[in-house]
PDB file of all heavy atoms in Angstrom:
ATOM      1  N   LEU A   1      60.370  17.219 -95.458  1.00  0.00           N
ATOM      2  CA  LEU A   1      60.467  18.378 -94.687  1.00  0.00           C
ATOM      3  C   LEU A   1      59.136  19.025 -94.281  1.00  0.00           C
ATOM      4  O   LEU A   1      59.034  19.624 -93.189  1.00  0.00           O
ATOM      5  CB  LEU A   1      61.287  19.472 -95.426  1.00  0.00           C
ATOM      6  CG  LEU A   1      62.807  19.128 -95.707  1.00  0.00           C
ATOM      7  CD1 LEU A   1      63.531  20.150 -96.558  1.00  0.00           C
ATOM      8  CD2 LEU A   1      63.516  18.918 -94.455  1.00  0.00           C
ATOM      9  N   THR A   2      58.036  18.697 -95.011  1.00  0.00           N
ATOM     10  CA  THR A   2      56.776  19.179 -94.563  1.00  0.00           C
ATOM     11  C   THR A   2      56.081  18.210 -93.704  1.00  0.00           C
ATOM     12  O   THR A   2      54.973  18.472 -93.158  1.00  0.00           O
ATOM     13  CB  THR A   2      55.912  19.407 -95.811  1.00  0.00           C
ATOM     14  OG1 THR A   2      55.856  18.293 -96.620  1.00  0.00           O
ATOM     15  CG2 THR A   2      56.343  20.614 -96.683  1.00  0.00           C
ATOM     16  N   GLY A   3      56.717  17.056 -93.339  1.00  0.00           N
ATOM     17  CA  GLY A   3      56.126  16.136 -92.573  1.00  0.00           C
ATOM     18  C   GLY A   3      55.039  15.157 -93.200  1.00  0.00           C
ATOM     19  O   GLY A   3      54.337  14.395 -92.483  1.00  0.00           O
ATOM     20  N   LEU A   4      55.047  15.226 -94.462  1.00  0.00           N
ATOM     21  CA  LEU A   4      54.059  14.366 -95.186  1.00  0.00           C
ATOM     22  C   LEU A   4      54.439  12.874 -95.126  1.00  0.00           C
ATOM     23  O   LEU A   4      53.705  12.029 -95.187  1.00  0.00           O
ATOM     24  CB  LEU A   4      53.816  14.788 -96.558  1.00  0.00           C
ATOM     25  CG  LEU A   4      53.226  16.130 -96.860  1.00  0.00           C
ATOM     26  CD1 LEU A   4      53.318  16.607 -98.264  1.00  0.00           C
ATOM     27  CD2 LEU A   4      51.832  16.150 -96.337  1.00  0.00           C
ATOM     28  N   VAL A   5      55.808  12.632 -95.052  1.00  0.00           N
ATOM     29  CA  VAL A   5      56.389  11.370 -94.900  1.00  0.00           C
ATOM     30  C   VAL A   5      57.312  11.391 -93.702  1.00  0.00           C
ATOM     31  O   VAL A   5      58.126  12.164 -93.593  1.00  0.00           O
ATOM     32  CB  VAL A   5      57.147  11.035 -96.278  1.00  0.00           C
ATOM     33  CG1 VAL A   5      57.811   9.723 -96.185  1.00  0.00           C
ATOM     34  CG2 VAL A   5      56.313  11.169 -97.481  1.00  0.00           C
ATOM     35  N   PRO A   6      57.043  10.408 -92.853  1.00  0.00           N
ATOM     36  CA  PRO A   6      57.882  10.274 -91.658  1.00  0.00           C
ATOM     37  C   PRO A   6      59.225   9.822 -91.967  1.00  0.00           C
ATOM     38  O   PRO A   6      59.461   9.077 -92.958  1.00  0.00           O
ATOM     39  CB  PRO A   6      57.177   9.278 -90.865  1.00  0.00           C
ATOM     40  CG  PRO A   6      56.207   8.533 -91.634  1.00  0.00           C
ATOM     41  CD  PRO A   6      55.835   9.360 -92.900  1.00  0.00           C
ATOM     42  N   ALA A   7      60.191  10.163 -91.025  1.00  0.00           N
ATOM     43  CA  ALA A   7      61.617   9.858 -91.362  1.00  0.00           C
ATOM     44  C   ALA A   7      61.917   8.406 -91.466  1.00  0.00           C
ATOM     45  O   ALA A   7      62.765   7.830 -92.184  1.00  0.00           O
ATOM     46  CB  ALA A   7      62.542  10.523 -90.220  1.00  0.00           C
ATOM     47  N   GLU A   8      61.129   7.620 -90.466  1.00  0.00           N
ATOM     48  CA  GLU A   8      61.283   6.094 -90.531  1.00  0.00           C
ATOM     49  C   GLU A   8      61.020   5.535 -91.869  1.00  0.00           C
ATOM     50  O   GLU A   8      61.660   4.621 -92.377  1.00  0.00           O
ATOM     51  CB  GLU A   8      60.462   5.575 -89.350  1.00  0.00           C
ATOM     52  CG  GLU A   8      60.820   5.985 -88.033  1.00  0.00           C
ATOM     53  CD  GLU A   8      60.293   7.262 -87.620  1.00  0.00           C
ATOM     54  OE1 GLU A   8      59.234   7.666 -88.150  1.00  0.00           O
ATOM     55  OE2 GLU A   8      60.868   7.909 -86.675  1.00  0.00           O
ATOM     56  N   SER A   9      59.957   6.063 -92.444  1.00  0.00           N
ATOM     57  CA  SER A   9      59.478   5.475 -93.706  1.00  0.00           C
ATOM     58  C   SER A   9      60.552   5.791 -94.788  1.00  0.00           C
ATOM     59  O   SER A   9      60.911   4.916 -95.748  1.00  0.00           O
ATOM     60  CB  SER A   9      58.117   6.237 -94.185  1.00  0.00           C
ATOM     61  OG  SER A   9      57.770   5.704 -95.357  1.00  0.00           O
ATOM     62  N   VAL A  10      61.041   6.935 -94.791  1.00  0.00           N
ATOM     63  CA  VAL A  10      62.053   7.403 -95.778  1.00  0.00           C
ATOM     64  C   VAL A  10      63.272   6.636 -95.598  1.00  0.00           C
ATOM     65  O   VAL A  10      63.857   6.078 -96.618  1.00  0.00           O
ATOM     66  CB  VAL A  10      62.472   8.968 -95.650  1.00  0.00           C
ATOM     67  CG1 VAL A  10      63.679   9.345 -96.584  1.00  0.00           C
ATOM     68  CG2 VAL A  10      61.292   9.783 -95.937  1.00  0.00           C
ATOM     69  N   LEU A  11      63.711   6.324 -94.353  1.00  0.00           N
ATOM     70  CA  LEU A  11      64.985   5.589 -94.228  1.00  0.00           C
ATOM     71  C   LEU A  11      64.869   4.136 -94.520  1.00  0.00           C
ATOM     72  O   LEU A  11      65.699   3.468 -94.989  1.00  0.00           O
ATOM     73  CB  LEU A  11      65.401   5.731 -92.710  1.00  0.00           C
ATOM     74  CG  LEU A  11      65.933   7.130 -92.388  1.00  0.00           C
ATOM     75  CD1 LEU A  11      66.380   7.269 -91.012  1.00  0.00           C
ATOM     76  CD2 LEU A  11      67.208   7.497 -93.279  1.00  0.00           C
ATOM     77  N   GLN A  12      63.570   3.611 -94.201  1.00  0.00           N
ATOM     78  CA  GLN A  12      63.323   2.250 -94.498  1.00  0.00           C
ATOM     79  C   GLN A  12      63.160   1.936 -96.054  1.00  0.00           C
ATOM     80  O   GLN A  12      63.703   0.860 -96.516  1.00  0.00           O
ATOM     81  CB  GLN A  12      62.183   1.663 -93.796  1.00  0.00           C
ATOM     82  CG  GLN A  12      62.321   1.576 -92.217  1.00  0.00           C
ATOM     83  CD  GLN A  12      60.989   1.198 -91.619  1.00  0.00           C
ATOM     84  OE1 GLN A  12      59.964   1.289 -92.293  1.00  0.00           O
ATOM     85  NE2 GLN A  12      61.136   0.805 -90.271  1.00  0.00           N
ATOM     86  N   LYS A  13      62.525   2.858 -96.684  1.00  0.00           N
ATOM     87  CA  LYS A  13      62.262   2.482 -98.029  1.00  0.00           C
ATOM     88  C   LYS A  13      63.264   3.083 -99.213  1.00  0.00           C
ATOM     89  O   LYS A  13      63.445   2.485-100.197  1.00  0.00           O
ATOM     90  CB  LYS A  13      60.850   3.036 -98.337  1.00  0.00           C
ATOM     91  CG  LYS A  13      59.817   2.248 -97.665  1.00  0.00           C
ATOM     92  CD  LYS A  13      58.442   2.699 -98.034  1.00  0.00           C
ATOM     93  CE  LYS A  13      57.343   1.833 -97.525  1.00  0.00           C
ATOM     94  NZ  LYS A  13      57.139   1.749 -96.072  1.00  0.00           N
ATOM     95  N   ALA A  14      63.837   4.168 -98.926  1.00  0.00           N
ATOM     96  CA  ALA A  14      64.668   4.846 -99.866  1.00  0.00           C
ATOM     97  C   ALA A  14      66.262   4.598 -99.630  1.00  0.00           C
ATOM     98  O   ALA A  14      66.934   4.716-100.552  1.00  0.00           O
ATOM     99  CB  ALA A  14      64.502   6.392 -99.738  1.00  0.00           C
ATOM    100  N   VAL A  15      66.592   4.046 -98.401  1.00  0.00           N
ATOM    101  CA  VAL A  15      68.000   3.908 -98.205  1.00  0.00           C
ATOM    102  C   VAL A  15      68.320   2.683 -97.498  1.00  0.00           C
ATOM    103  O   VAL A  15      67.591   2.292 -96.465  1.00  0.00           O
ATOM    104  CB  VAL A  15      68.461   5.171 -97.246  1.00  0.00           C
ATOM    105  CG1 VAL A  15      69.969   4.945 -97.035  1.00  0.00           C
ATOM    106  CG2 VAL A  15      68.178   6.604 -97.971  1.00  0.00           C
ATOM    107  N   THR A  16      69.234   1.872 -97.903  1.00  0.00           N
ATOM    108  CA  THR A  16      69.692   0.600 -97.185  1.00  0.00           C
ATOM    109  C   THR A  16      70.682   1.061 -96.158  1.00  0.00           C
ATOM    110  O   THR A  16      71.401   2.094 -96.343  1.00  0.00           O
ATOM    111  CB  THR A  16      70.158  -0.390 -98.172  1.00  0.00           C
ATOM    112  OG1 THR A  16      71.405   0.180 -98.754  1.00  0.00           O
ATOM    113  CG2 THR A  16      69.174  -0.721 -99.246  1.00  0.00           C
ATOM    114  N   PRO A  17      70.918   0.189 -95.160  1.00  0.00           N
ATOM    115  CA  PRO A  17      71.869   0.581 -94.104  1.00  0.00           C
ATOM    116  C   PRO A  17      73.270   0.492 -94.690  1.00  0.00           C
ATOM    117  O   PRO A  17      74.059   1.329 -94.397  1.00  0.00           O
ATOM    118  CB  PRO A  17      71.679  -0.606 -93.082  1.00  0.00           C
ATOM    119  CG  PRO A  17      70.324  -1.031 -93.239  1.00  0.00           C
ATOM    120  CD  PRO A  17      69.933  -0.917 -94.686  1.00  0.00           C
ATOM    121  N   GLY A  18      73.517  -0.346 -95.691  1.00  0.00           N
ATOM    122  CA  GLY A  18      74.818  -0.342 -96.485  1.00  0.00           C
ATOM    123  C   GLY A  18      75.083   1.030 -97.084  1.00  0.00           C
ATOM    124  O   GLY A  18      76.257   1.499 -96.997  1.00  0.00           O
ATOM    125  N   LEU A  19      74.044   1.609 -97.640  1.00  0.00           N
ATOM    126  CA  LEU A  19      74.303   2.930 -98.380  1.00  0.00           C
ATOM    127  C   LEU A  19      74.528   3.960 -97.416  1.00  0.00           C
ATOM    128  O   LEU A  19      75.493   4.833 -97.661  1.00  0.00           O
ATOM    129  CB  LEU A  19      73.049   3.261 -99.250  1.00  0.00           C
ATOM    130  CG  LEU A  19      73.125   4.483-100.052  1.00  0.00           C
ATOM    131  CD1 LEU A  19      74.349   4.426-100.918  1.00  0.00           C
ATOM    132  CD2 LEU A  19      71.844   4.654-100.777  1.00  0.00           C
ATOM    133  N   VAL A  20      73.904   3.877 -96.335  1.00  0.00           N
ATOM    134  CA  VAL A  20      74.169   4.951 -95.247  1.00  0.00           C
ATOM    135  C   VAL A  20      75.480   4.940 -94.749  1.00  0.00           C
ATOM    136  O   VAL A  20      76.230   5.936 -94.571  1.00  0.00           O
ATOM    137  CB  VAL A  20      73.121   4.790 -94.160  1.00  0.00           C
ATOM    138  CG1 VAL A  20      73.346   5.754 -92.938  1.00  0.00           C
ATOM    139  CG2 VAL A  20      71.686   5.150 -94.520  1.00  0.00           C
ATOM    140  N   THR A  21      76.047   3.577 -94.459  1.00  0.00           N
ATOM    141  CA  THR A  21      77.344   3.388 -93.922  1.00  0.00           C
ATOM    142  C   THR A  21      78.331   3.900 -95.053  1.00  0.00           C
ATOM    143  O   THR A  21      79.319   4.632 -94.727  1.00  0.00           O
ATOM    144  CB  THR A  21      77.573   2.003 -93.822  1.00  0.00           C
ATOM    145  OG1 THR A  21      76.690   1.455 -92.825  1.00  0.00           O
ATOM    146  CG2 THR A  21      79.011   1.650 -93.202  1.00  0.00           C
ATOM    147  N   LEU A  22      78.146   3.646 -96.291  1.00  0.00           N
ATOM    148  CA  LEU A  22      79.032   4.086 -97.360  1.00  0.00           C
ATOM    149  C   LEU A  22      79.067   5.628 -97.407  1.00  0.00           C
ATOM    150  O   LEU A  22      80.144   6.240 -97.529  1.00  0.00           O
ATOM    151  CB  LEU A  22      78.590   3.563 -98.673  1.00  0.00           C
ATOM    152  CG  LEU A  22      79.524   3.756 -99.928  1.00  0.00           C
ATOM    153  CD1 LEU A  22      80.831   3.251 -99.645  1.00  0.00           C
ATOM    154  CD2 LEU A  22      78.802   3.222-101.204  1.00  0.00           C
ATOM    155  N   VAL A  23      78.018   6.232 -97.380  1.00  0.00           N
ATOM    156  CA  VAL A  23      78.022   7.667 -97.401  1.00  0.00           C
ATOM    157  C   VAL A  23      78.628   8.314 -96.278  1.00  0.00           C
ATOM    158  O   VAL A  23      79.418   9.199 -96.291  1.00  0.00           O
ATOM    159  CB  VAL A  23      76.508   8.292 -97.586  1.00  0.00           C
ATOM    160  CG1 VAL A  23      76.429   9.815 -97.265  1.00  0.00           C
ATOM    161  CG2 VAL A  23      75.983   7.901 -98.806  1.00  0.00           C
ATOM    162  N   VAL A  24      78.467   7.785 -95.001  1.00  0.00           N
ATOM    163  CA  VAL A  24      79.173   8.178 -93.863  1.00  0.00           C
ATOM    164  C   VAL A  24      80.742   8.103 -93.921  1.00  0.00           C
ATOM    165  O   VAL A  24      81.542   8.935 -93.716  1.00  0.00           O
ATOM    166  CB  VAL A  24      78.704   7.494 -92.590  1.00  0.00           C
ATOM    167  CG1 VAL A  24      79.466   7.871 -91.404  1.00  0.00           C
ATOM    168  CG2 VAL A  24      77.188   7.995 -92.298  1.00  0.00           C
ATOM    169  N   LEU A  25      81.078   6.982 -94.518  1.00  0.00           N
ATOM    170  CA  LEU A  25      82.595   6.604 -94.649  1.00  0.00           C
ATOM    171  C   LEU A  25      83.162   7.594 -95.756  1.00  0.00           C
ATOM    172  O   LEU A  25      84.249   8.028 -95.532  1.00  0.00           O
ATOM    173  CB  LEU A  25      82.756   5.228 -95.068  1.00  0.00           C
ATOM    174  CG  LEU A  25      82.529   4.084 -94.060  1.00  0.00           C
ATOM    175  CD1 LEU A  25      82.528   2.892 -94.653  1.00  0.00           C
ATOM    176  CD2 LEU A  25      83.509   4.343 -93.057  1.00  0.00           C
ATOM    177  N   ILE A  26      82.420   7.888 -96.849  1.00  0.00           N
ATOM    178  CA  ILE A  26      82.862   8.875 -97.686  1.00  0.00           C
ATOM    179  C   ILE A  26      83.029  10.246 -97.163  1.00  0.00           C
ATOM    180  O   ILE A  26      83.991  10.961 -97.464  1.00  0.00           O
ATOM    181  CB  ILE A  26      82.089   8.881 -99.008  1.00  0.00           C
ATOM    182  CG1 ILE A  26      82.175   7.578 -99.861  1.00  0.00           C
ATOM    183  CG2 ILE A  26      82.339  10.105-100.003  1.00  0.00           C
ATOM    184  CD1 ILE A  26      81.236   7.272-100.882  1.00  0.00           C
ATOM    185  N   LEU A  27      81.999  10.656 -96.418  1.00  0.00           N
ATOM    186  CA  LEU A  27      82.098  11.948 -95.671  1.00  0.00           C
ATOM    187  C   LEU A  27      83.329  11.988 -94.695  1.00  0.00           C
ATOM    188  O   LEU A  27      83.906  12.981 -94.621  1.00  0.00           O
ATOM    189  CB  LEU A  27      80.788  12.237 -94.974  1.00  0.00           C
ATOM    190  CG  LEU A  27      79.515  12.561 -95.927  1.00  0.00           C
ATOM    191  CD1 LEU A  27      78.313  12.656 -95.089  1.00  0.00           C
ATOM    192  CD2 LEU A  27      79.852  13.833 -96.700  1.00  0.00           C
ATOM    193  N   ALA A  28      83.459  10.830 -94.125  1.00  0.00           N
ATOM    194  CA  ALA A  28      84.582  10.819 -93.165  1.00  0.00           C
ATOM    195  C   ALA A  28      85.942  10.943 -93.830  1.00  0.00           C
ATOM    196  O   ALA A  28      86.855  11.540 -93.471  1.00  0.00           O
ATOM    197  CB  ALA A  28      84.535   9.536 -92.204  1.00  0.00           C
ATOM    198  N   SER A  29      86.085  10.259 -95.134  1.00  0.00           N
ATOM    199  CA  SER A  29      87.255  10.288 -95.821  1.00  0.00           C
ATOM    200  C   SER A  29      87.531  11.743 -96.424  1.00  0.00           C
ATOM    201  O   SER A  29      88.643  12.143 -96.474  1.00  0.00           O
ATOM    202  CB  SER A  29      87.237   9.436 -97.084  1.00  0.00           C
ATOM    203  OG  SER A  29      86.432   9.767 -98.004  1.00  0.00           O
ATOM    204  N   ILE A  30      86.449  12.531 -96.639  1.00  0.00           N
ATOM    205  CA  ILE A  30      86.552  13.928 -97.127  1.00  0.00           C
ATOM    206  C   ILE A  30      87.077  14.781 -95.979  1.00  0.00           C
ATOM    207  O   ILE A  30      87.976  15.619 -96.103  1.00  0.00           O
ATOM    208  CB  ILE A  30      85.213  14.452 -97.642  1.00  0.00           C
ATOM    209  CG1 ILE A  30      84.782  13.748 -98.922  1.00  0.00           C
ATOM    210  CG2 ILE A  30      85.380  16.013 -97.832  1.00  0.00           C
ATOM    211  CD1 ILE A  30      83.479  14.040 -99.385  1.00  0.00           C
ATOM    212  N   GLY A  31      86.614  14.516 -94.791  1.00  0.00           N
ATOM    213  CA  GLY A  31      87.147  15.150 -93.546  1.00  0.00           C
ATOM    214  C   GLY A  31      88.629  14.776 -93.357  1.00  0.00           C
ATOM    215  O   GLY A  31      89.377  15.671 -92.961  1.00  0.00           O
ATOM    216  N   LEU A  32      89.001  13.580 -93.520  1.00  0.00           N
ATOM    217  CA  LEU A  32      90.292  13.197 -93.311  1.00  0.00           C
ATOM    218  C   LEU A  32      91.195  13.757 -94.383  1.00  0.00           C
ATOM    219  O   LEU A  32      92.400  14.126 -94.073  1.00  0.00           O
ATOM    220  CB  LEU A  32      90.494  11.602 -93.354  1.00  0.00           C
ATOM    221  CG  LEU A  32      90.006  10.870 -92.155  1.00  0.00           C
ATOM    222  CD1 LEU A  32      90.038   9.396 -92.368  1.00  0.00           C
ATOM    223  CD2 LEU A  32      90.787  11.280 -90.961  1.00  0.00           C
ATOM    224  N   GLU A  33      90.650  14.007 -95.635  1.00  0.00           N
ATOM    225  CA  GLU A  33      91.444  14.520 -96.672  1.00  0.00           C
ATOM    226  C   GLU A  33      92.089  15.956 -96.228  1.00  0.00           C
ATOM    227  O   GLU A  33      92.955  16.329 -96.750  1.00  0.00           O
ATOM    228  CB  GLU A  33      90.579  14.641 -97.839  1.00  0.00           C
ATOM    229  CG  GLU A  33      91.280  14.933 -99.095  1.00  0.00           C
ATOM    230  CD  GLU A  33      90.276  14.855-100.376  1.00  0.00           C
ATOM    231  OE1 GLU A  33      89.682  13.839-100.436  1.00  0.00           O
ATOM    232  OE2 GLU A  33      90.378  15.751-101.141  1.00  0.00           O
ATOM    233  N   LYS A  34      91.204  16.587 -95.421  1.00  0.00           N
ATOM    234  CA  LYS A  34      91.588  17.979 -95.070  1.00  0.00           C
ATOM    235  C   LYS A  34      92.563  18.000 -93.865  1.00  0.00           C
ATOM    236  O   LYS A  34      92.934  19.090 -93.465  1.00  0.00           O
ATOM    237  CB  LYS A  34      90.359  18.736 -94.688  1.00  0.00           C
ATOM    238  CG  LYS A  34      89.352  18.727 -95.925  1.00  0.00           C
ATOM    239  CD  LYS A  34      88.717  20.040 -96.122  1.00  0.00           C
ATOM    240  CE  LYS A  34      87.724  20.014 -97.244  1.00  0.00           C
ATOM    241  NZ  LYS A  34      88.251  19.781 -98.555  1.00  0.00           N
ATOM    242  N   ALA A  35      92.677  16.782 -93.325  1.00  0.00           N
ATOM    243  CA  ALA A  35      93.597  16.790 -92.066  1.00  0.00           C
ATOM    244  C   ALA A  35      95.063  16.964 -92.423  1.00  0.00           C
ATOM    245  O   ALA A  35      95.564  16.419 -93.410  1.00  0.00           O
ATOM    246  CB  ALA A  35      93.432  15.523 -91.411  1.00  0.00           C
TER     247      ALA A  35
END
């Protein structure tokens, strides 16, 4: 948040694309749960 580490670096090193997809799917399922 202070800009010491760029977003690209955080996404490349801390998060795999599979994990991002899983988190998005879980968030979508939470939204569907309320439908």
